[in-house]
């Protein structure tokens, strides 16, 4: 029996509010593509009271409010369980913890499966691929804790940051995740932020993927993952010729909040002090002067204006100066809707 999947673009929704909440920037790892920039994001750890206050500040009763707890490594925060429970009490529709897999402070025993989704970062199907990116022994610890979370009944997802360091191994991930009991698979593309910029400048070898490499590997692998029964979400990256460009900053509400009180609307801007808002006196205050929001309405042939300004190396041009491909908003995602489940086999 033939199995066919449907790919659909997840349109931006004005009825959603997504809070990407960095409750600290400390981490026990030093991943080569980490986007955290303590000079821009701060190095403090938020107190339980501040976490509760900021959760209240961003909660919108009339919208579907979602929160993703991030770091650094959020499970290093001794009060993460309190933060999750507070978000639930306030009425957040979904609560997700993005973790490197170490699950500090006995987290699984301090939460119940109905309180949070646990999303693990794993950047390779084997220690040989993953550990040079994330650290020695990380693959074993992460996969062991995935098994524990699944056994405990938590909904578990895995995030794979595709880059030049691991793209050739992506095809091995679906079978691994299927065997671990993971239900959601998120593929994201490495950006020129944080450590990836530093390493690229030092070595001359940037981690970003070409248009050809992305399209030759990612669609085939995510299609196979969906046919195994995984829910698969991955970035659009490239727009078709007749597809209009839309910036999430103009349509939906996404707040990227850091411990120093900076609030960005676009994650591409996080290395620069052009954030739209700051939290001052427990109020969300809009900044004066040039901020990221001023640029969202610009229409250019390349698509995303922030990508053009901050990551111009991702764009290729014809000899007449026109861009070969248009770049979508970095927050525009696609989902594979499976039309049938297959037996496990190699993609």
C-alpha atoms as a PDB file:
ATOM      1  CA  UNK A   1       0.000   0.000   0.000  1.00  0.00           C
ATOM      2  CA  UNK A   2       1.394   3.427  -0.945  1.00  0.00           C
ATOM      3  CA  UNK A   3       1.651   6.022   1.788  1.00  0.00           C
ATOM      4  CA  UNK A   4       1.480   9.694   0.917  1.00  0.00           C
ATOM      5  CA  UNK A   5       1.919  12.618   3.284  1.00  0.00           C
ATOM      6  CA  UNK A   6       0.635  16.154   3.067  1.00  0.00           C
ATOM      7  CA  UNK A   7       2.806  19.163   3.883  1.00  0.00           C
ATOM      8  CA  UNK A   8       0.996  22.204   5.217  1.00  0.00           C
ATOM      9  CA  UNK A   9       2.274  25.607   6.207  1.00  0.00           C
ATOM     10  CA  UNK A  10       1.395  26.576   9.776  1.00  0.00           C
ATOM     11  CA  UNK A  11      -0.018  30.054   9.263  1.00  0.00           C
ATOM     12  CA  UNK A  12       0.590  32.796  11.807  1.00  0.00           C
ATOM     13  CA  UNK A  13      -2.336  33.298  14.153  1.00  0.00           C
ATOM     14  CA  UNK A  14      -3.445  36.590  15.670  1.00  0.00           C
ATOM     15  CA  UNK A  15      -5.250  34.613  18.365  1.00  0.00           C
ATOM     16  CA  UNK A  16      -2.066  33.130  19.837  1.00  0.00           C
ATOM     17  CA  UNK A  17       0.527  34.597  22.143  1.00  0.00           C
ATOM     18  CA  UNK A  18       3.808  32.712  22.472  1.00  0.00           C
ATOM     19  CA  UNK A  19       6.233  33.490  25.283  1.00  0.00           C
ATOM     20  CA  UNK A  20       9.793  32.234  24.828  1.00  0.00           C
ATOM     21  CA  UNK A  21      10.940  32.702  28.400  1.00  0.00           C
ATOM     22  CA  UNK A  22      14.674  32.549  29.178  1.00  0.00           C
ATOM     23  CA  UNK A  23      14.659  32.256  32.965  1.00  0.00           C
ATOM     24  CA  UNK A  24      18.473  32.152  33.106  1.00  0.00           C
ATOM     25  CA  UNK A  25      21.394  32.071  30.673  1.00  0.00           C
ATOM     26  CA  UNK A  26      23.655  29.677  32.615  1.00  0.00           C
ATOM     27  CA  UNK A  27      24.267  26.237  31.126  1.00  0.00           C
ATOM     28  CA  UNK A  28      26.253  23.124  31.956  1.00  0.00           C
ATOM     29  CA  UNK A  29      27.187  22.670  28.274  1.00  0.00           C
ATOM     30  CA  UNK A  30      29.018  24.752  25.665  1.00  0.00           C
ATOM     31  CA  UNK A  31      27.298  23.802  22.425  1.00  0.00           C
ATOM     32  CA  UNK A  32      29.050  25.013  19.303  1.00  0.00           C
ATOM     33  CA  UNK A  33      25.899  26.613  17.888  1.00  0.00           C
ATOM     34  CA  UNK A  34      24.454  28.056  21.112  1.00  0.00           C
ATOM     35  CA  UNK A  35      22.735  31.387  20.430  1.00  0.00           C
ATOM     36  CA  UNK A  36      22.977  32.790  23.971  1.00  0.00           C
ATOM     37  CA  UNK A  37      24.977  36.022  24.160  1.00  0.00           C
ATOM     38  CA  UNK A  38      25.363  37.022  27.807  1.00  0.00           C
ATOM     39  CA  UNK A  39      26.584  40.489  26.856  1.00  0.00           C
ATOM     40  CA  UNK A  40      23.199  41.096  25.236  1.00  0.00           C
ATOM     41  CA  UNK A  41      20.964  38.774  27.279  1.00  0.00           C
ATOM     42  CA  UNK A  42      22.345  39.112  30.800  1.00  0.00           C
ATOM     43  CA  UNK A  43      23.849  36.532  33.135  1.00  0.00           C
ATOM     44  CA  UNK A  44      21.427  36.676  36.048  1.00  0.00           C
ATOM     45  CA  UNK A  45      18.992  33.997  37.183  1.00  0.00           C
ATOM     46  CA  UNK A  46      15.432  35.189  37.687  1.00  0.00           C
ATOM     47  CA  UNK A  47      13.907  34.773  41.143  1.00  0.00           C
ATOM     48  CA  UNK A  48      10.649  32.825  41.580  1.00  0.00           C
ATOM     49  CA  UNK A  49       8.810  36.081  42.249  1.00  0.00           C
ATOM     50  CA  UNK A  50      10.087  37.704  39.046  1.00  0.00           C
ATOM     51  CA  UNK A  51       9.217  34.583  37.048  1.00  0.00           C
ATOM     52  CA  UNK A  52       5.673  34.665  38.422  1.00  0.00           C
ATOM     53  CA  UNK A  53       5.348  38.398  37.781  1.00  0.00           C
ATOM     54  CA  UNK A  54       6.558  38.113  34.175  1.00  0.00           C
ATOM     55  CA  UNK A  55       4.313  35.137  33.487  1.00  0.00           C
ATOM     56  CA  UNK A  56       1.373  37.271  34.626  1.00  0.00           C
ATOM     57  CA  UNK A  57       2.608  40.190  32.531  1.00  0.00           C
ATOM     58  CA  UNK A  58       2.526  38.201  29.292  1.00  0.00           C
ATOM     59  CA  UNK A  59      -0.535  36.060  29.899  1.00  0.00           C
ATOM     60  CA  UNK A  60      -3.483  37.091  27.738  1.00  0.00           C
ATOM     61  CA  UNK A  61      -6.778  35.556  28.766  1.00  0.00           C
ATOM     62  CA  UNK A  62      -8.478  36.283  25.446  1.00  0.00           C
ATOM     63  CA  UNK A  63      -5.795  34.516  23.435  1.00  0.00           C
ATOM     64  CA  UNK A  64      -4.232  31.077  23.407  1.00  0.00           C
ATOM     65  CA  UNK A  65      -1.172  31.822  25.513  1.00  0.00           C
ATOM     66  CA  UNK A  66       1.732  29.375  25.328  1.00  0.00           C
ATOM     67  CA  UNK A  67       5.030  29.450  27.191  1.00  0.00           C
ATOM     68  CA  UNK A  68       8.338  27.762  26.418  1.00  0.00           C
ATOM     69  CA  UNK A  69      10.882  27.785  29.241  1.00  0.00           C
ATOM     70  CA  UNK A  70      14.417  28.210  27.961  1.00  0.00           C
ATOM     71  CA  UNK A  71      17.939  28.996  29.127  1.00  0.00           C
ATOM     72  CA  UNK A  72      20.778  28.501  29.077  1.00  0.00           C
ATOM     73  CA  UNK A  73      19.602  25.245  30.507  1.00  0.00           C
ATOM     74  CA  UNK A  74      16.269  25.876  32.250  1.00  0.00           C
ATOM     75  CA  UNK A  75      16.438  22.727  34.375  1.00  0.00           C
ATOM     76  CA  UNK A  76      19.440  24.270  36.179  1.00  0.00           C
ATOM     77  CA  UNK A  77      16.941  26.660  37.754  1.00  0.00           C
ATOM     78  CA  UNK A  78      15.929  25.179  41.128  1.00  0.00           C
ATOM     79  CA  UNK A  79      12.455  26.716  40.790  1.00  0.00           C
ATOM     80  CA  UNK A  80      11.582  25.541  37.277  1.00  0.00           C
ATOM     81  CA  UNK A  81       8.872  23.232  38.617  1.00  0.00           C
ATOM     82  CA  UNK A  82       7.354  26.231  40.427  1.00  0.00           C
ATOM     83  CA  UNK A  83       7.450  28.205  37.157  1.00  0.00           C
ATOM     84  CA  UNK A  84       5.637  25.433  35.287  1.00  0.00           C
ATOM     85  CA  UNK A  85       2.949  25.107  37.951  1.00  0.00           C
ATOM     86  CA  UNK A  86       2.498  28.888  38.071  1.00  0.00           C
ATOM     87  CA  UNK A  87       2.019  29.030  34.306  1.00  0.00           C
ATOM     88  CA  UNK A  88      -0.608  26.314  34.530  1.00  0.00           C
ATOM     89  CA  UNK A  89      -2.419  28.069  37.369  1.00  0.00           C
ATOM     90  CA  UNK A  90      -2.514  31.286  35.343  1.00  0.00           C
ATOM     91  CA  UNK A  91      -4.145  29.445  32.453  1.00  0.00           C
ATOM     92  CA  UNK A  92      -1.393  29.042  29.865  1.00  0.00           C
ATOM     93  CA  UNK A  93      -2.678  26.698  27.174  1.00  0.00           C
ATOM     94  CA  UNK A  94       0.589  24.832  26.737  1.00  0.00           C
ATOM     95  CA  UNK A  95       3.822  24.706  28.737  1.00  0.00           C
ATOM     96  CA  UNK A  96       7.036  23.378  27.230  1.00  0.00           C
ATOM     97  CA  UNK A  97      10.509  22.919  28.689  1.00  0.00           C
ATOM     98  CA  UNK A  98      13.397  23.041  26.212  1.00  0.00           C
ATOM     99  CA  UNK A  99      16.274  21.072  27.746  1.00  0.00           C
ATOM    100  CA  UNK A 100      19.696  19.776  26.771  1.00  0.00           C
ATOM    101  CA  UNK A 101      18.667  16.499  28.367  1.00  0.00           C
ATOM    102  CA  UNK A 102      20.319  16.641  31.764  1.00  0.00           C
ATOM    103  CA  UNK A 103      17.084  17.301  33.725  1.00  0.00           C
ATOM    104  CA  UNK A 104      18.680  18.766  36.841  1.00  0.00           C
ATOM    105  CA  UNK A 105      16.961  19.015  40.246  1.00  0.00           C
ATOM    106  CA  UNK A 106      15.101  15.721  39.839  1.00  0.00           C
ATOM    107  CA  UNK A 107      12.646  17.445  37.498  1.00  0.00           C
ATOM    108  CA  UNK A 108      10.690  14.363  36.391  1.00  0.00           C
ATOM    109  CA  UNK A 109       9.670  13.645  39.966  1.00  0.00           C
ATOM    110  CA  UNK A 110       8.612  17.244  40.623  1.00  0.00           C
ATOM    111  CA  UNK A 111       6.176  17.497  37.714  1.00  0.00           C
ATOM    112  CA  UNK A 112       3.326  15.427  36.372  1.00  0.00           C
ATOM    113  CA  UNK A 113       2.973  14.564  32.661  1.00  0.00           C
ATOM    114  CA  UNK A 114      -0.090  16.792  32.273  1.00  0.00           C
ATOM    115  CA  UNK A 115       1.853  19.872  33.397  1.00  0.00           C
ATOM    116  CA  UNK A 116       4.501  20.195  30.675  1.00  0.00           C
ATOM    117  CA  UNK A 117       5.870  18.887  27.407  1.00  0.00           C
ATOM    118  CA  UNK A 118       9.575  18.129  27.609  1.00  0.00           C
ATOM    119  CA  UNK A 119      11.543  18.982  24.494  1.00  0.00           C
ATOM    120  CA  UNK A 120      15.064  17.550  24.268  1.00  0.00           C
ATOM    121  CA  UNK A 121      17.837  18.952  22.076  1.00  0.00           C
ATOM    122  CA  UNK A 122      19.684  16.161  20.286  1.00  0.00           C
ATOM    123  CA  UNK A 123      21.901  16.948  17.324  1.00  0.00           C
ATOM    124  CA  UNK A 124      22.930  13.545  16.112  1.00  0.00           C
ATOM    125  CA  UNK A 125      21.783   9.916  15.962  1.00  0.00           C
ATOM    126  CA  UNK A 126      25.010   8.695  17.565  1.00  0.00           C
ATOM    127  CA  UNK A 127      27.603   9.996  20.039  1.00  0.00           C
ATOM    128  CA  UNK A 128      30.007  10.373  17.108  1.00  0.00           C
ATOM    129  CA  UNK A 129      27.778  13.019  15.526  1.00  0.00           C
ATOM    130  CA  UNK A 130      26.108  14.611  18.544  1.00  0.00           C
ATOM    131  CA  UNK A 131      28.910  14.886  21.092  1.00  0.00           C
ATOM    132  CA  UNK A 132      31.388  16.958  19.034  1.00  0.00           C
ATOM    133  CA  UNK A 133      28.596  19.556  18.803  1.00  0.00           C
ATOM    134  CA  UNK A 134      27.109  19.381  22.291  1.00  0.00           C
ATOM    135  CA  UNK A 135      29.803  17.819  24.502  1.00  0.00           C
ATOM    136  CA  UNK A 136      31.307  14.477  25.458  1.00  0.00           C
ATOM    137  CA  UNK A 137      28.829  12.048  26.970  1.00  0.00           C
ATOM    138  CA  UNK A 138      25.814  14.209  26.139  1.00  0.00           C
ATOM    139  CA  UNK A 139      24.241  11.717  23.722  1.00  0.00           C
ATOM    140  CA  UNK A 140      24.160   8.976  26.354  1.00  0.00           C
ATOM    141  CA  UNK A 141      22.726  11.248  29.055  1.00  0.00           C
ATOM    142  CA  UNK A 142      20.130  12.808  26.774  1.00  0.00           C
ATOM    143  CA  UNK A 143      18.820   9.561  25.301  1.00  0.00           C
ATOM    144  CA  UNK A 144      18.748   7.939  28.743  1.00  0.00           C
ATOM    145  CA  UNK A 145      16.611  10.779  30.093  1.00  0.00           C
ATOM    146  CA  UNK A 146      14.353  10.696  27.031  1.00  0.00           C
ATOM    147  CA  UNK A 147      13.620   7.073  27.896  1.00  0.00           C
ATOM    148  CA  UNK A 148      12.885   8.014  31.508  1.00  0.00           C
ATOM    149  CA  UNK A 149      10.558  10.847  30.481  1.00  0.00           C
ATOM    150  CA  UNK A 150       8.667   8.615  28.054  1.00  0.00           C
ATOM    151  CA  UNK A 151       8.366   5.874  30.670  1.00  0.00           C
ATOM    152  CA  UNK A 152       7.025   8.426  33.176  1.00  0.00           C
ATOM    153  CA  UNK A 153       4.280   9.347  30.705  1.00  0.00           C
ATOM    154  CA  UNK A 154       5.490  12.767  29.541  1.00  0.00           C
ATOM    155  CA  UNK A 155       4.883  13.979  26.017  1.00  0.00           C
ATOM    156  CA  UNK A 156       8.390  14.131  24.582  1.00  0.00           C
ATOM    157  CA  UNK A 157       9.717  15.979  21.576  1.00  0.00           C
ATOM    158  CA  UNK A 158      13.197  16.268  20.099  1.00  0.00           C
ATOM    159  CA  UNK A 159      14.741  19.322  18.467  1.00  0.00           C
ATOM    160  CA  UNK A 160      17.472  18.744  15.884  1.00  0.00           C
ATOM    161  CA  UNK A 161      19.431  21.840  14.851  1.00  0.00           C
ATOM    162  CA  UNK A 162      20.509  21.045  11.300  1.00  0.00           C
ATOM    163  CA  UNK A 163      23.868  22.469  10.264  1.00  0.00           C
ATOM    164  CA  UNK A 164      26.896  21.615   8.172  1.00  0.00           C
ATOM    165  CA  UNK A 165      28.099  19.623  11.189  1.00  0.00           C
ATOM    166  CA  UNK A 166      25.270  17.078  11.190  1.00  0.00           C
ATOM    167  CA  UNK A 167      23.030  17.373   8.129  1.00  0.00           C
ATOM    168  CA  UNK A 168      24.390  14.181   6.571  1.00  0.00           C
ATOM    169  CA  UNK A 169      23.258  12.208   9.623  1.00  0.00           C
ATOM    170  CA  UNK A 170      19.707  13.584   9.740  1.00  0.00           C
ATOM    171  CA  UNK A 171      18.317  10.553   7.904  1.00  0.00           C
ATOM    172  CA  UNK A 172      19.202   8.315  10.871  1.00  0.00           C
ATOM    173  CA  UNK A 173      17.147  10.326  13.369  1.00  0.00           C
ATOM    174  CA  UNK A 174      13.586   9.110  12.605  1.00  0.00           C
ATOM    175  CA  UNK A 175      14.334   5.480  13.399  1.00  0.00           C
ATOM    176  CA  UNK A 176      16.125   6.458  16.609  1.00  0.00           C
ATOM    177  CA  UNK A 177      13.288   8.680  17.804  1.00  0.00           C
ATOM    178  CA  UNK A 178      10.685   6.071  16.898  1.00  0.00           C
ATOM    179  CA  UNK A 179      12.556   3.490  18.964  1.00  0.00           C
ATOM    180  CA  UNK A 180      12.806   5.885  21.931  1.00  0.00           C
ATOM    181  CA  UNK A 181       9.060   6.567  21.967  1.00  0.00           C
ATOM    182  CA  UNK A 182       9.352  10.237  20.987  1.00  0.00           C
ATOM    183  CA  UNK A 183       6.112  11.673  19.553  1.00  0.00           C
ATOM    184  CA  UNK A 184       7.222  15.029  18.097  1.00  0.00           C
ATOM    185  CA  UNK A 185      10.224  15.822  15.912  1.00  0.00           C
ATOM    186  CA  UNK A 186      11.248  19.426  15.308  1.00  0.00           C
ATOM    187  CA  UNK A 187      13.964  20.184  12.773  1.00  0.00           C
ATOM    188  CA  UNK A 188      15.387  23.678  12.902  1.00  0.00           C
ATOM    189  CA  UNK A 189      18.139  25.306  10.870  1.00  0.00           C
ATOM    190  CA  UNK A 190      21.238  26.789  12.472  1.00  0.00           C
ATOM    191  CA  UNK A 191      21.414  30.569  12.460  1.00  0.00           C
ATOM    192  CA  UNK A 192      24.249  33.050  12.534  1.00  0.00           C
ATOM    193  CA  UNK A 193      23.918  33.906  16.199  1.00  0.00           C
ATOM    194  CA  UNK A 194      26.014  33.448  19.316  1.00  0.00           C
ATOM    195  CA  UNK A 195      28.681  30.746  19.217  1.00  0.00           C
ATOM    196  CA  UNK A 196      28.165  29.859  15.554  1.00  0.00           C
ATOM    197  CA  UNK A 197      29.200  33.406  14.577  1.00  0.00           C
ATOM    198  CA  UNK A 198      32.262  33.324  16.827  1.00  0.00           C
ATOM    199  CA  UNK A 199      33.438  29.960  15.488  1.00  0.00           C
ATOM    200  CA  UNK A 200      32.761  30.992  11.901  1.00  0.00           C
ATOM    201  CA  UNK A 201      34.827  34.141  12.226  1.00  0.00           C
ATOM    202  CA  UNK A 202      37.661  32.296  13.947  1.00  0.00           C
ATOM    203  CA  UNK A 203      37.869  29.364  11.536  1.00  0.00           C
ATOM    204  CA  UNK A 204      36.278  30.699   8.349  1.00  0.00           C
ATOM    205  CA  UNK A 205      33.946  27.700   8.379  1.00  0.00           C
ATOM    206  CA  UNK A 206      30.358  28.708   8.993  1.00  0.00           C
ATOM    207  CA  UNK A 207      27.790  26.069   9.900  1.00  0.00           C
ATOM    208  CA  UNK A 208      25.000  27.241   7.641  1.00  0.00           C
ATOM    209  CA  UNK A 209      23.435  25.092   4.939  1.00  0.00           C
ATOM    210  CA  UNK A 210      23.035  25.890   1.269  1.00  0.00           C
ATOM    211  CA  UNK A 211      19.657  25.958  -0.467  1.00  0.00           C
ATOM    212  CA  UNK A 212      20.603  22.825  -2.387  1.00  0.00           C
ATOM    213  CA  UNK A 213      21.759  20.895   0.680  1.00  0.00           C
ATOM    214  CA  UNK A 214      18.640  21.749   2.695  1.00  0.00           C
ATOM    215  CA  UNK A 215      16.189  20.778  -0.041  1.00  0.00           C
ATOM    216  CA  UNK A 216      18.060  17.632  -1.049  1.00  0.00           C
ATOM    217  CA  UNK A 217      17.925  16.135   2.454  1.00  0.00           C
ATOM    218  CA  UNK A 218      15.361  17.661   4.813  1.00  0.00           C
ATOM    219  CA  UNK A 219      12.044  17.129   2.935  1.00  0.00           C
ATOM    220  CA  UNK A 220      12.812  13.462   2.294  1.00  0.00           C
ATOM    221  CA  UNK A 221      13.786  12.759   5.909  1.00  0.00           C
ATOM    222  CA  UNK A 222      10.856  14.566   7.522  1.00  0.00           C
ATOM    223  CA  UNK A 223       8.466  12.762   5.177  1.00  0.00           C
ATOM    224  CA  UNK A 224       9.857   9.429   6.334  1.00  0.00           C
ATOM    225  CA  UNK A 225       9.650  10.489   9.987  1.00  0.00           C
ATOM    226  CA  UNK A 226       5.970  11.335   9.545  1.00  0.00           C
ATOM    227  CA  UNK A 227       5.305   7.946   7.975  1.00  0.00           C
ATOM    228  CA  UNK A 228       6.754   6.373  11.123  1.00  0.00           C
ATOM    229  CA  UNK A 229       4.077   8.187  13.118  1.00  0.00           C
ATOM    230  CA  UNK A 230       6.058  11.169  14.378  1.00  0.00           C
ATOM    231  CA  UNK A 231       4.491  14.613  14.287  1.00  0.00           C
ATOM    232  CA  UNK A 232       7.068  16.589  12.318  1.00  0.00           C
ATOM    233  CA  UNK A 233       7.476  20.366  12.205  1.00  0.00           C
ATOM    234  CA  UNK A 234      10.281  22.163  10.383  1.00  0.00           C
ATOM    235  CA  UNK A 235      11.011  25.670   9.101  1.00  0.00           C
ATOM    236  CA  UNK A 236       9.821  26.813   5.717  1.00  0.00           C
ATOM    237  CA  UNK A 237      13.157  28.606   4.978  1.00  0.00           C
ATOM    238  CA  UNK A 238      12.538  29.108   1.245  1.00  0.00           C
ATOM    239  CA  UNK A 239       9.419  30.547  -0.366  1.00  0.00           C
ATOM    240  CA  UNK A 240       8.071  29.389  -3.705  1.00  0.00           C
ATOM    241  CA  UNK A 241       7.931  31.952  -6.501  1.00  0.00           C
ATOM    242  CA  UNK A 242       4.210  32.682  -6.075  1.00  0.00           C
ATOM    243  CA  UNK A 243       4.157  32.526  -2.278  1.00  0.00           C
ATOM    244  CA  UNK A 244       3.742  35.887  -0.514  1.00  0.00           C
ATOM    245  CA  UNK A 245       6.156  36.878   2.230  1.00  0.00           C
ATOM    246  CA  UNK A 246       4.659  37.391   5.671  1.00  0.00           C
ATOM    247  CA  UNK A 247       6.507  38.507   8.804  1.00  0.00           C
ATOM    248  CA  UNK A 248       5.344  37.018  12.099  1.00  0.00           C
ATOM    249  CA  UNK A 249       6.090  40.355  13.749  1.00  0.00           C
ATOM    250  CA  UNK A 250       3.221  41.916  11.799  1.00  0.00           C
ATOM    251  CA  UNK A 251       0.664  39.167  12.364  1.00  0.00           C
ATOM    252  CA  UNK A 252       1.176  37.193  15.568  1.00  0.00           C
ATOM    253  CA  UNK A 253       2.501  37.780  19.074  1.00  0.00           C
ATOM    254  CA  UNK A 254       5.848  36.177  19.858  1.00  0.00           C
ATOM    255  CA  UNK A 255       7.882  37.505  22.772  1.00  0.00           C
ATOM    256  CA  UNK A 256      11.486  36.401  23.326  1.00  0.00           C
ATOM    257  CA  UNK A 257      12.233  37.403  26.917  1.00  0.00           C
ATOM    258  CA  UNK A 258      15.677  37.427  28.534  1.00  0.00           C
ATOM    259  CA  UNK A 259      16.787  37.724  32.183  1.00  0.00           C
ATOM    260  CA  UNK A 260      18.028  41.293  31.731  1.00  0.00           C
ATOM    261  CA  UNK A 261      14.508  42.386  30.784  1.00  0.00           C
ATOM    262  CA  UNK A 262      15.017  42.667  27.054  1.00  0.00           C
ATOM    263  CA  UNK A 263      12.058  41.558  24.972  1.00  0.00           C
ATOM    264  CA  UNK A 264      12.570  40.809  21.288  1.00  0.00           C
ATOM    265  CA  UNK A 265       9.937  40.094  18.661  1.00  0.00           C
ATOM    266  CA  UNK A 266      12.375  38.498  16.183  1.00  0.00           C
ATOM    267  CA  UNK A 267      14.938  35.878  17.254  1.00  0.00           C
ATOM    268  CA  UNK A 268      17.333  36.878  14.468  1.00  0.00           C
ATOM    269  CA  UNK A 269      17.895  40.193  16.259  1.00  0.00           C
ATOM    270  CA  UNK A 270      18.970  38.788  19.611  1.00  0.00           C
ATOM    271  CA  UNK A 271      22.678  39.571  19.167  1.00  0.00           C
ATOM    272  CA  UNK A 272      21.894  43.277  18.888  1.00  0.00           C
ATOM    273  CA  UNK A 273      20.385  45.951  21.188  1.00  0.00           C
ATOM    274  CA  UNK A 274      17.449  46.630  18.882  1.00  0.00           C
ATOM    275  CA  UNK A 275      14.811  44.898  20.995  1.00  0.00           C
ATOM    276  CA  UNK A 276      11.349  46.415  20.777  1.00  0.00           C
ATOM    277  CA  UNK A 277      10.448  46.244  24.465  1.00  0.00           C
ATOM    278  CA  UNK A 278      12.014  46.219  27.914  1.00  0.00           C
ATOM    279  CA  UNK A 279      10.485  45.102  31.186  1.00  0.00           C
ATOM    280  CA  UNK A 280      10.770  47.993  33.622  1.00  0.00           C
ATOM    281  CA  UNK A 281       8.982  48.151  36.952  1.00  0.00           C
ATOM    282  CA  UNK A 282       7.109  44.994  35.974  1.00  0.00           C
ATOM    283  CA  UNK A 283       5.669  46.823  32.953  1.00  0.00           C
ATOM    284  CA  UNK A 284       6.269  46.136  29.277  1.00  0.00           C
ATOM    285  CA  UNK A 285       7.758  49.377  27.968  1.00  0.00           C
ATOM    286  CA  UNK A 286       8.238  50.095  24.271  1.00  0.00           C
ATOM    287  CA  UNK A 287      11.639  51.525  23.378  1.00  0.00           C
ATOM    288  CA  UNK A 288      12.197  54.727  21.482  1.00  0.00           C
ATOM    289  CA  UNK A 289      14.454  55.041  18.451  1.00  0.00           C
ATOM    290  CA  UNK A 290      15.421  52.341  15.967  1.00  0.00           C
ATOM    291  CA  UNK A 291      14.099  48.955  17.032  1.00  0.00           C
ATOM    292  CA  UNK A 292      13.498  45.700  15.187  1.00  0.00           C
ATOM    293  CA  UNK A 293       9.766  46.371  14.834  1.00  0.00           C
ATOM    294  CA  UNK A 294      10.472  49.379  12.604  1.00  0.00           C
ATOM    295  CA  UNK A 295      11.836  47.023   9.943  1.00  0.00           C
ATOM    296  CA  UNK A 296       9.127  44.366   9.828  1.00  0.00           C
ATOM    297  CA  UNK A 297       6.959  46.158   7.263  1.00  0.00           C
ATOM    298  CA  UNK A 298       9.730  46.552   4.680  1.00  0.00           C
ATOM    299  CA  UNK A 299       9.186  44.565   1.487  1.00  0.00           C
ATOM    300  CA  UNK A 300      12.305  43.450  -0.383  1.00  0.00           C
ATOM    301  CA  UNK A 301      12.931  40.921  -3.201  1.00  0.00           C
ATOM    302  CA  UNK A 302      14.914  38.696  -0.830  1.00  0.00           C
ATOM    303  CA  UNK A 303      11.925  38.114   1.479  1.00  0.00           C
ATOM    304  CA  UNK A 304      12.903  38.511   5.138  1.00  0.00           C
ATOM    305  CA  UNK A 305      14.513  41.900   5.702  1.00  0.00           C
ATOM    306  CA  UNK A 306      16.115  40.825   8.988  1.00  0.00           C
ATOM    307  CA  UNK A 307      17.794  37.902   7.251  1.00  0.00           C
ATOM    308  CA  UNK A 308      19.070  40.258   4.547  1.00  0.00           C
ATOM    309  CA  UNK A 309      20.514  42.641   7.136  1.00  0.00           C
ATOM    310  CA  UNK A 310      21.928  40.129   9.611  1.00  0.00           C
ATOM    311  CA  UNK A 311      22.620  36.977   7.584  1.00  0.00           C
ATOM    312  CA  UNK A 312      23.288  38.193   4.009  1.00  0.00           C
ATOM    313  CA  UNK A 313      25.497  35.196   3.286  1.00  0.00           C
ATOM    314  CA  UNK A 314      22.427  32.964   3.137  1.00  0.00           C
ATOM    315  CA  UNK A 315      21.202  34.633  -0.064  1.00  0.00           C
ATOM    316  CA  UNK A 316      22.412  33.740  -3.552  1.00  0.00           C
ATOM    317  CA  UNK A 317      21.951  36.025  -6.557  1.00  0.00           C
ATOM    318  CA  UNK A 318      21.649  35.654 -10.302  1.00  0.00           C
ATOM    319  CA  UNK A 319      24.121  37.484 -12.519  1.00  0.00           C
ATOM    320  CA  UNK A 320      21.554  40.259 -13.022  1.00  0.00           C
ATOM    321  CA  UNK A 321      21.376  40.878  -9.271  1.00  0.00           C
ATOM    322  CA  UNK A 322      18.011  39.259  -8.544  1.00  0.00           C
ATOM    323  CA  UNK A 323      17.885  36.770  -5.653  1.00  0.00           C
ATOM    324  CA  UNK A 324      17.730  33.098  -6.651  1.00  0.00           C
ATOM    325  CA  UNK A 325      15.556  32.299  -3.646  1.00  0.00           C
ATOM    326  CA  UNK A 326      13.394  34.259  -1.246  1.00  0.00           C
ATOM    327  CA  UNK A 327      13.836  33.620   2.462  1.00  0.00           C
ATOM    328  CA  UNK A 328      10.728  33.114   4.577  1.00  0.00           C
ATOM    329  CA  UNK A 329      10.176  34.498   8.056  1.00  0.00           C
ATOM    330  CA  UNK A 330      12.264  32.397  10.443  1.00  0.00           C
ATOM    331  CA  UNK A 331       9.136  31.647  12.496  1.00  0.00           C
ATOM    332  CA  UNK A 332       7.176  30.223   9.556  1.00  0.00           C
ATOM    333  CA  UNK A 333       6.874  26.459  10.011  1.00  0.00           C
ATOM    334  CA  UNK A 334       5.614  23.490   8.031  1.00  0.00           C
ATOM    335  CA  UNK A 335       3.992  20.342   9.356  1.00  0.00           C
ATOM    336  CA  UNK A 336       3.888  16.913   7.762  1.00  0.00           C
ATOM    337  CA  UNK A 337       0.466  15.342   8.068  1.00  0.00           C
ATOM    338  CA  UNK A 338       0.837  11.583   7.761  1.00  0.00           C
ATOM    339  CA  UNK A 339      -1.664   9.629   5.695  1.00  0.00           C
ATOM    340  CA  UNK A 340      -0.544   6.266   7.026  1.00  0.00           C
ATOM    341  CA  UNK A 341       2.003   4.573   9.273  1.00  0.00           C
ATOM    342  CA  UNK A 342       4.702   2.313   7.860  1.00  0.00           C
ATOM    343  CA  UNK A 343       6.892  -0.306   9.410  1.00  0.00           C
ATOM    344  CA  UNK A 344      10.300   0.890  10.502  1.00  0.00           C
ATOM    345  CA  UNK A 345      12.885   0.969   7.744  1.00  0.00           C
ATOM    346  CA  UNK A 346      15.654   3.207   6.515  1.00  0.00           C
ATOM    347  CA  UNK A 347      14.801   6.457   4.720  1.00  0.00           C
END
